[in-house]
Amino acid sequence: MSKPAITKKSSLGEVISDYPETEEVFKKYFGSGCFTCPGSKMEDIAFGAMMHNMDPEVIVKELNDAIEKAAKKA
């Protein structure tokens, strides 16, 4: 199995920029505010999850699943 593209230390802004297919996952857990929040450029997924009282491991798994699913369609 390959190394996950995203970890809980990945920057929210980088993930959103590099993997647009993850947008729905971010909206599901964090709302649409991530796309306009200045902090998203510096904050990592673990911090965002903590701020929204969510489990970062669940979010990371869904983000990586979204990337994998998009890669299979390409």
PDB file of N, CA and C in Angstrom:
ATOM      1  N   MET A   1       0.843  -1.187   0.000  1.00  0.00           N
ATOM      2  CA  MET A   1       0.000   0.000   0.000  1.00  0.00           C
ATOM      3  C   MET A   1       0.885   1.245   0.000  1.00  0.00           C
ATOM      4  N   SER A   2       0.490   2.229  -0.781  1.00  0.00           N
ATOM      5  CA  SER A   2       1.299   3.442  -0.873  1.00  0.00           C
ATOM      6  C   SER A   2       1.069   4.347   0.334  1.00  0.00           C
ATOM      7  N   LYS A   3       1.995   5.243   0.523  1.00  0.00           N
ATOM      8  CA  LYS A   3       1.929   6.197   1.630  1.00  0.00           C
ATOM      9  C   LYS A   3       0.731   7.132   1.408  1.00  0.00           C
ATOM     10  N   PRO A   4      -0.045   7.401   2.440  1.00  0.00           N
ATOM     11  CA  PRO A   4      -1.185   8.310   2.264  1.00  0.00           C
ATOM     12  C   PRO A   4      -0.709   9.685   1.795  1.00  0.00           C
ATOM     13  N   ALA A   5      -1.482  10.286   0.919  1.00  0.00           N
ATOM     14  CA  ALA A   5      -1.137  11.609   0.403  1.00  0.00           C
ATOM     15  C   ALA A   5      -1.285  12.671   1.494  1.00  0.00           C
ATOM     16  N   ILE A   6      -2.222  12.445   2.396  1.00  0.00           N
ATOM     17  CA  ILE A   6      -2.554  13.432   3.428  1.00  0.00           C
ATOM     18  C   ILE A   6      -2.375  12.805   4.808  1.00  0.00           C
ATOM     19  N   THR A   7      -1.809  13.588   5.725  1.00  0.00           N
ATOM     20  CA  THR A   7      -1.705  13.176   7.126  1.00  0.00           C
ATOM     21  C   THR A   7      -2.362  14.262   7.974  1.00  0.00           C
ATOM     22  N   LYS A   8      -2.471  14.009   9.266  1.00  0.00           N
ATOM     23  CA  LYS A   8      -3.103  15.022  10.123  1.00  0.00           C
ATOM     24  C   LYS A   8      -2.228  16.264  10.281  1.00  0.00           C
ATOM     25  N   LYS A   9      -0.976  16.180   9.864  1.00  0.00           N
ATOM     26  CA  LYS A   9      -0.090  17.348   9.897  1.00  0.00           C
ATOM     27  C   LYS A   9      -0.087  18.118   8.574  1.00  0.00           C
ATOM     28  N   SER A  10      -0.855  17.647   7.598  1.00  0.00           N
ATOM     29  CA  SER A  10      -0.952  18.347   6.314  1.00  0.00           C
ATOM     30  C   SER A  10      -1.680  19.673   6.497  1.00  0.00           C
ATOM     31  N   SER A  11      -1.226  20.691   5.784  1.00  0.00           N
ATOM     32  CA  SER A  11      -1.849  22.009   5.824  1.00  0.00           C
ATOM     33  C   SER A  11      -3.203  21.968   5.124  1.00  0.00           C
ATOM     34  N   LEU A  12      -4.208  22.561   5.764  1.00  0.00           N
ATOM     35  CA  LEU A  12      -5.535  22.622   5.149  1.00  0.00           C
ATOM     36  C   LEU A  12      -5.461  23.296   3.779  1.00  0.00           C
ATOM     37  N   GLY A  13      -4.772  24.426   3.719  1.00  0.00           N
ATOM     38  CA  GLY A  13      -4.675  25.174   2.463  1.00  0.00           C
ATOM     39  C   GLY A  13      -4.012  24.384   1.355  1.00  0.00           C
ATOM     40  N   GLU A  14      -2.943  23.664   1.688  1.00  0.00           N
ATOM     41  CA  GLU A  14      -2.249  22.864   0.677  1.00  0.00           C
ATOM     42  C   GLU A  14      -3.123  21.733   0.173  1.00  0.00           C
ATOM     43  N   VAL A  15      -3.832  21.082   1.075  1.00  0.00           N
ATOM     44  CA  VAL A  15      -4.696  19.973   0.665  1.00  0.00           C
ATOM     45  C   VAL A  15      -5.807  20.491  -0.251  1.00  0.00           C
ATOM     46  N   ILE A  16      -6.431  21.592   0.142  1.00  0.00           N
ATOM     47  CA  ILE A  16      -7.508  22.166  -0.665  1.00  0.00           C
ATOM     48  C   ILE A  16      -6.978  22.555  -2.050  1.00  0.00           C
ATOM     49  N   SER A  17      -5.802  23.145  -2.087  1.00  0.00           N
ATOM     50  CA  SER A  17      -5.198  23.578  -3.348  1.00  0.00           C
ATOM     51  C   SER A  17      -4.751  22.401  -4.213  1.00  0.00           C
ATOM     52  N   ASP A  18      -4.076  21.430  -3.600  1.00  0.00           N
ATOM     53  CA  ASP A  18      -3.508  20.306  -4.350  1.00  0.00           C
ATOM     54  C   ASP A  18      -4.528  19.235  -4.728  1.00  0.00           C
ATOM     55  N   TYR A  19      -5.567  19.114  -3.926  1.00  0.00           N
ATOM     56  CA  TYR A  19      -6.556  18.042  -4.128  1.00  0.00           C
ATOM     57  C   TYR A  19      -7.969  18.616  -4.070  1.00  0.00           C
ATOM     58  N   PRO A  20      -8.423  19.264  -5.144  1.00  0.00           N
ATOM     59  CA  PRO A  20      -9.762  19.871  -5.131  1.00  0.00           C
ATOM     60  C   PRO A  20     -10.881  18.857  -4.879  1.00  0.00           C
ATOM     61  N   GLU A  21     -10.594  17.590  -5.145  1.00  0.00           N
ATOM     62  CA  GLU A  21     -11.605  16.550  -4.912  1.00  0.00           C
ATOM     63  C   GLU A  21     -11.915  16.346  -3.428  1.00  0.00           C
ATOM     64  N   THR A  22     -11.129  16.955  -2.548  1.00  0.00           N
ATOM     65  CA  THR A  22     -11.364  16.827  -1.105  1.00  0.00           C
ATOM     66  C   THR A  22     -12.354  17.871  -0.574  1.00  0.00           C
ATOM     67  N   GLU A  23     -12.798  18.771  -1.427  1.00  0.00           N
ATOM     68  CA  GLU A  23     -13.657  19.877  -0.995  1.00  0.00           C
ATOM     69  C   GLU A  23     -14.892  19.406  -0.222  1.00  0.00           C
ATOM     70  N   GLU A  24     -15.558  18.366  -0.704  1.00  0.00           N
ATOM     71  CA  GLU A  24     -16.776  17.892  -0.034  1.00  0.00           C
ATOM     72  C   GLU A  24     -16.490  17.366   1.373  1.00  0.00           C
ATOM     73  N   VAL A  25     -15.335  16.742   1.555  1.00  0.00           N
ATOM     74  CA  VAL A  25     -14.974  16.236   2.884  1.00  0.00           C
ATOM     75  C   VAL A  25     -14.773  17.405   3.841  1.00  0.00           C
ATOM     76  N   PHE A  26     -14.070  18.440   3.384  1.00  0.00           N
ATOM     77  CA  PHE A  26     -13.876  19.617   4.234  1.00  0.00           C
ATOM     78  C   PHE A  26     -15.208  20.267   4.578  1.00  0.00           C
ATOM     79  N   LYS A  27     -16.096  20.377   3.596  1.00  0.00           N
ATOM     80  CA  LYS A  27     -17.414  20.975   3.852  1.00  0.00           C
ATOM     81  C   LYS A  27     -18.192  20.146   4.866  1.00  0.00           C
ATOM     82  N   LYS A  28     -18.087  18.835   4.754  1.00  0.00           N
ATOM     83  CA  LYS A  28     -18.812  17.929   5.658  1.00  0.00           C
ATOM     84  C   LYS A  28     -18.394  18.139   7.111  1.00  0.00           C
ATOM     85  N   TYR A  29     -17.090  18.256   7.354  1.00  0.00           N
ATOM     86  CA  TYR A  29     -16.596  18.338   8.724  1.00  0.00           C
ATOM     87  C   TYR A  29     -16.374  19.760   9.235  1.00  0.00           C
ATOM     88  N   PHE A  30     -15.985  20.672   8.353  1.00  0.00           N
ATOM     89  CA  PHE A  30     -15.613  22.012   8.797  1.00  0.00           C
ATOM     90  C   PHE A  30     -16.535  23.102   8.268  1.00  0.00           C
ATOM     91  N   GLY A  31     -17.443  22.771   7.365  1.00  0.00           N
ATOM     92  CA  GLY A  31     -18.266  23.793   6.732  1.00  0.00           C
ATOM     93  C   GLY A  31     -17.498  24.455   5.604  1.00  0.00           C
ATOM     94  N   SER A  32     -18.109  25.409   4.938  1.00  0.00           N
ATOM     95  CA  SER A  32     -17.445  26.046   3.797  1.00  0.00           C
ATOM     96  C   SER A  32     -16.482  27.147   4.218  1.00  0.00           C
ATOM     97  N   GLY A  33     -16.409  27.454   5.505  1.00  0.00           N
ATOM     98  CA  GLY A  33     -15.531  28.500   6.000  1.00  0.00           C
ATOM     99  C   GLY A  33     -14.059  28.250   5.743  1.00  0.00           C
ATOM    100  N   CYS A  34     -13.659  27.006   5.584  1.00  0.00           N
ATOM    101  CA  CYS A  34     -12.245  26.669   5.339  1.00  0.00           C
ATOM    102  C   CYS A  34     -11.722  27.332   4.076  1.00  0.00           C
ATOM    103  N   PHE A  35     -12.597  27.555   3.134  1.00  0.00           N
ATOM    104  CA  PHE A  35     -12.161  28.057   1.836  1.00  0.00           C
ATOM    105  C   PHE A  35     -11.891  29.557   1.854  1.00  0.00           C
ATOM    106  N   THR A  36     -12.374  30.244   2.878  1.00  0.00           N
ATOM    107  CA  THR A  36     -12.151  31.686   2.978  1.00  0.00           C
ATOM    108  C   THR A  36     -11.381  32.076   4.233  1.00  0.00           C
ATOM    109  N   CYS A  37     -11.165  31.141   5.135  1.00  0.00           N
ATOM    110  CA  CYS A  37     -10.471  31.434   6.397  1.00  0.00           C
ATOM    111  C   CYS A  37      -8.980  31.642   6.155  1.00  0.00           C
ATOM    112  N   PRO A  38      -8.440  32.791   6.565  1.00  0.00           N
ATOM    113  CA  PRO A  38      -7.001  33.028   6.378  1.00  0.00           C
ATOM    114  C   PRO A  38      -6.140  31.998   7.119  1.00  0.00           C
ATOM    115  N   GLY A  39      -6.625  31.483   8.235  1.00  0.00           N
ATOM    116  CA  GLY A  39      -5.858  30.512   9.012  1.00  0.00           C
ATOM    117  C   GLY A  39      -5.674  29.187   8.303  1.00  0.00           C
ATOM    118  N   SER A  40      -6.546  28.877   7.358  1.00  0.00           N
ATOM    119  CA  SER A  40      -6.458  27.572   6.685  1.00  0.00           C
ATOM    120  C   SER A  40      -5.155  27.415   5.910  1.00  0.00           C
ATOM    121  N   LYS A  41      -4.513  28.506   5.576  1.00  0.00           N
ATOM    122  CA  LYS A  41      -3.247  28.429   4.842  1.00  0.00           C
ATOM    123  C   LYS A  41      -2.118  27.902   5.729  1.00  0.00           C
ATOM    124  N   MET A  42      -2.245  28.099   7.043  1.00  0.00           N
ATOM    125  CA  MET A  42      -1.185  27.702   7.972  1.00  0.00           C
ATOM    126  C   MET A  42      -1.572  26.531   8.868  1.00  0.00           C
ATOM    127  N   GLU A  43      -2.851  26.387   9.160  1.00  0.00           N
ATOM    128  CA  GLU A  43      -3.294  25.358  10.113  1.00  0.00           C
ATOM    129  C   GLU A  43      -3.250  23.977   9.478  1.00  0.00           C
ATOM    130  N   ASP A  44      -2.982  22.978  10.320  1.00  0.00           N
ATOM    131  CA  ASP A  44      -3.013  21.613   9.819  1.00  0.00           C
ATOM    132  C   ASP A  44      -4.357  20.967  10.132  1.00  0.00           C
ATOM    133  N   ILE A  45      -4.565  19.794   9.576  1.00  0.00           N
ATOM    134  CA  ILE A  45      -5.838  19.101   9.738  1.00  0.00           C
ATOM    135  C   ILE A  45      -6.098  18.767  11.196  1.00  0.00           C
ATOM    136  N   ALA A  46      -5.071  18.385  11.941  1.00  0.00           N
ATOM    137  CA  ALA A  46      -5.245  18.065  13.363  1.00  0.00           C
ATOM    138  C   ALA A  46      -5.783  19.271  14.130  1.00  0.00           C
ATOM    139  N   PHE A  47      -5.268  20.467  13.835  1.00  0.00           N
ATOM    140  CA  PHE A  47      -5.725  21.679  14.513  1.00  0.00           C
ATOM    141  C   PHE A  47      -7.171  21.990  14.120  1.00  0.00           C
ATOM    142  N   GLY A  48      -7.469  21.901  12.836  1.00  0.00           N
ATOM    143  CA  GLY A  48      -8.839  22.147  12.371  1.00  0.00           C
ATOM    144  C   GLY A  48      -9.819  21.179  13.008  1.00  0.00           C
ATOM    145  N   ALA A  49      -9.415  19.919  13.109  1.00  0.00           N
ATOM    146  CA  ALA A  49     -10.282  18.912  13.722  1.00  0.00           C
ATOM    147  C   ALA A  49     -10.521  19.238  15.193  1.00  0.00           C
ATOM    148  N   MET A  50      -9.464  19.647  15.886  1.00  0.00           N
ATOM    149  CA  MET A  50      -9.599  20.012  17.294  1.00  0.00           C
ATOM    150  C   MET A  50     -10.565  21.196  17.444  1.00  0.00           C
ATOM    151  N   MET A  51     -10.452  22.185  16.581  1.00  0.00           N
ATOM    152  CA  MET A  51     -11.298  23.372  16.659  1.00  0.00           C
ATOM    153  C   MET A  51     -12.769  23.047  16.401  1.00  0.00           C
ATOM    154  N   HIS A  52     -13.008  21.987  15.637  1.00  0.00           N
ATOM    155  CA  HIS A  52     -14.376  21.586  15.315  1.00  0.00           C
ATOM    156  C   HIS A  52     -14.814  20.352  16.100  1.00  0.00           C
ATOM    157  N   ASN A  53     -13.998  19.962  17.094  1.00  0.00           N
ATOM    158  CA  ASN A  53     -14.311  18.821  17.955  1.00  0.00           C
ATOM    159  C   ASN A  53     -14.546  17.537  17.150  1.00  0.00           C
ATOM    160  N   MET A  54     -13.637  17.279  16.219  1.00  0.00           N
ATOM    161  CA  MET A  54     -13.733  16.101  15.361  1.00  0.00           C
ATOM    162  C   MET A  54     -12.479  15.244  15.522  1.00  0.00           C
ATOM    163  N   ASP A  55     -12.578  13.983  15.113  1.00  0.00           N
ATOM    164  CA  ASP A  55     -11.445  13.062  15.146  1.00  0.00           C
ATOM    165  C   ASP A  55     -10.616  13.256  13.874  1.00  0.00           C
ATOM    166  N   PRO A  56      -9.373  13.712  13.995  1.00  0.00           N
ATOM    167  CA  PRO A  56      -8.573  13.957  12.788  1.00  0.00           C
ATOM    168  C   PRO A  56      -8.330  12.705  11.962  1.00  0.00           C
ATOM    169  N   GLU A  57      -8.251  11.544  12.605  1.00  0.00           N
ATOM    170  CA  GLU A  57      -7.986  10.304  11.865  1.00  0.00           C
ATOM    171  C   GLU A  57      -9.137   9.974  10.913  1.00  0.00           C
ATOM    172  N   VAL A  58     -10.367  10.241  11.342  1.00  0.00           N
ATOM    173  CA  VAL A  58     -11.540   9.992  10.499  1.00  0.00           C
ATOM    174  C   VAL A  58     -11.496  10.913   9.283  1.00  0.00           C
ATOM    175  N   ILE A  59     -11.180  12.178   9.527  1.00  0.00           N
ATOM    176  CA  ILE A  59     -11.124  13.159   8.445  1.00  0.00           C
ATOM    177  C   ILE A  59     -10.010  12.808   7.464  1.00  0.00           C
ATOM    178  N   VAL A  60      -8.837  12.470   7.970  1.00  0.00           N
ATOM    179  CA  VAL A  60      -7.699  12.108   7.109  1.00  0.00           C
ATOM    180  C   VAL A  60      -8.047  10.902   6.247  1.00  0.00           C
ATOM    181  N   LYS A  61      -8.691   9.916   6.827  1.00  0.00           N
ATOM    182  CA  LYS A  61      -9.071   8.726   6.056  1.00  0.00           C
ATOM    183  C   LYS A  61     -10.016   9.107   4.917  1.00  0.00           C
ATOM    184  N   GLU A  62     -11.024   9.932   5.208  1.00  0.00           N
ATOM    185  CA  GLU A  62     -11.965  10.331   4.160  1.00  0.00           C
ATOM    186  C   GLU A  62     -11.303  11.191   3.091  1.00  0.00           C
ATOM    187  N   LEU A  63     -10.368  12.052   3.487  1.00  0.00           N
ATOM    188  CA  LEU A  63      -9.656  12.866   2.507  1.00  0.00           C
ATOM    189  C   LEU A  63      -8.840  11.982   1.575  1.00  0.00           C
ATOM    190  N   ASN A  64      -8.115  11.017   2.138  1.00  0.00           N
ATOM    191  CA  ASN A  64      -7.318  10.103   1.315  1.00  0.00           C
ATOM    192  C   ASN A  64      -8.213   9.217   0.447  1.00  0.00           C
ATOM    193  N   ASP A  65      -9.363   8.809   0.974  1.00  0.00           N
ATOM    194  CA  ASP A  65     -10.307   8.023   0.172  1.00  0.00           C
ATOM    195  C   ASP A  65     -10.804   8.831  -1.024  1.00  0.00           C
ATOM    196  N   ALA A  66     -11.074  10.131  -0.801  1.00  0.00           N
ATOM    197  CA  ALA A  66     -11.543  10.994  -1.891  1.00  0.00           C
ATOM    198  C   ALA A  66     -10.480  11.130  -2.981  1.00  0.00           C
ATOM    199  N   ILE A  67      -9.221  11.240  -2.577  1.00  0.00           N
ATOM    200  CA  ILE A  67      -8.116  11.343  -3.541  1.00  0.00           C
ATOM    201  C   ILE A  67      -7.981  10.040  -4.326  1.00  0.00           C
ATOM    202  N   GLU A  68      -8.055   8.933  -3.605  1.00  0.00           N
ATOM    203  CA  GLU A  68      -7.916   7.621  -4.247  1.00  0.00           C
ATOM    204  C   GLU A  68      -9.059   7.382  -5.250  1.00  0.00           C
ATOM    205  N   LYS A  69     -10.271   7.743  -4.860  1.00  0.00           N
ATOM    206  CA  LYS A  69     -11.437   7.577  -5.729  1.00  0.00           C
ATOM    207  C   LYS A  69     -11.297   8.429  -6.987  1.00  0.00           C
ATOM    208  N   ALA A  70     -10.835   9.665  -6.824  1.00  0.00           N
ATOM    209  CA  ALA A  70     -10.643  10.547  -7.986  1.00  0.00           C
ATOM    210  C   ALA A  70      -9.545  10.012  -8.903  1.00  0.00           C
ATOM    211  N   ALA A  71      -8.493   9.432  -8.332  1.00  0.00           N
ATOM    212  CA  ALA A  71      -7.387   8.898  -9.122  1.00  0.00           C
ATOM    213  C   ALA A  71      -7.860   7.709  -9.968  1.00  0.00           C
ATOM    214  N   LYS A  72      -8.772   6.919  -9.423  1.00  0.00           N
ATOM    215  CA  LYS A  72      -9.278   5.763 -10.150  1.00  0.00           C
ATOM    216  C   LYS A  72     -10.142   6.184 -11.335  1.00  0.00           C
ATOM    217  N   LYS A  73     -10.815   7.352 -11.193  1.00  0.00           N
ATOM    218  CA  LYS A  73     -11.658   7.854 -12.283  1.00  0.00           C
ATOM    219  C   LYS A  73     -10.826   8.459 -13.404  1.00  0.00           C
ATOM    220  N   ALA A  74      -9.619   8.909 -13.069  1.00  0.00           N
ATOM    221  CA  ALA A  74      -8.785   9.613 -14.064  1.00  0.00           C
ATOM    222  C   ALA A  74      -8.201   8.681 -15.100  1.00  0.00           C
TER     223      ALA A  74
END
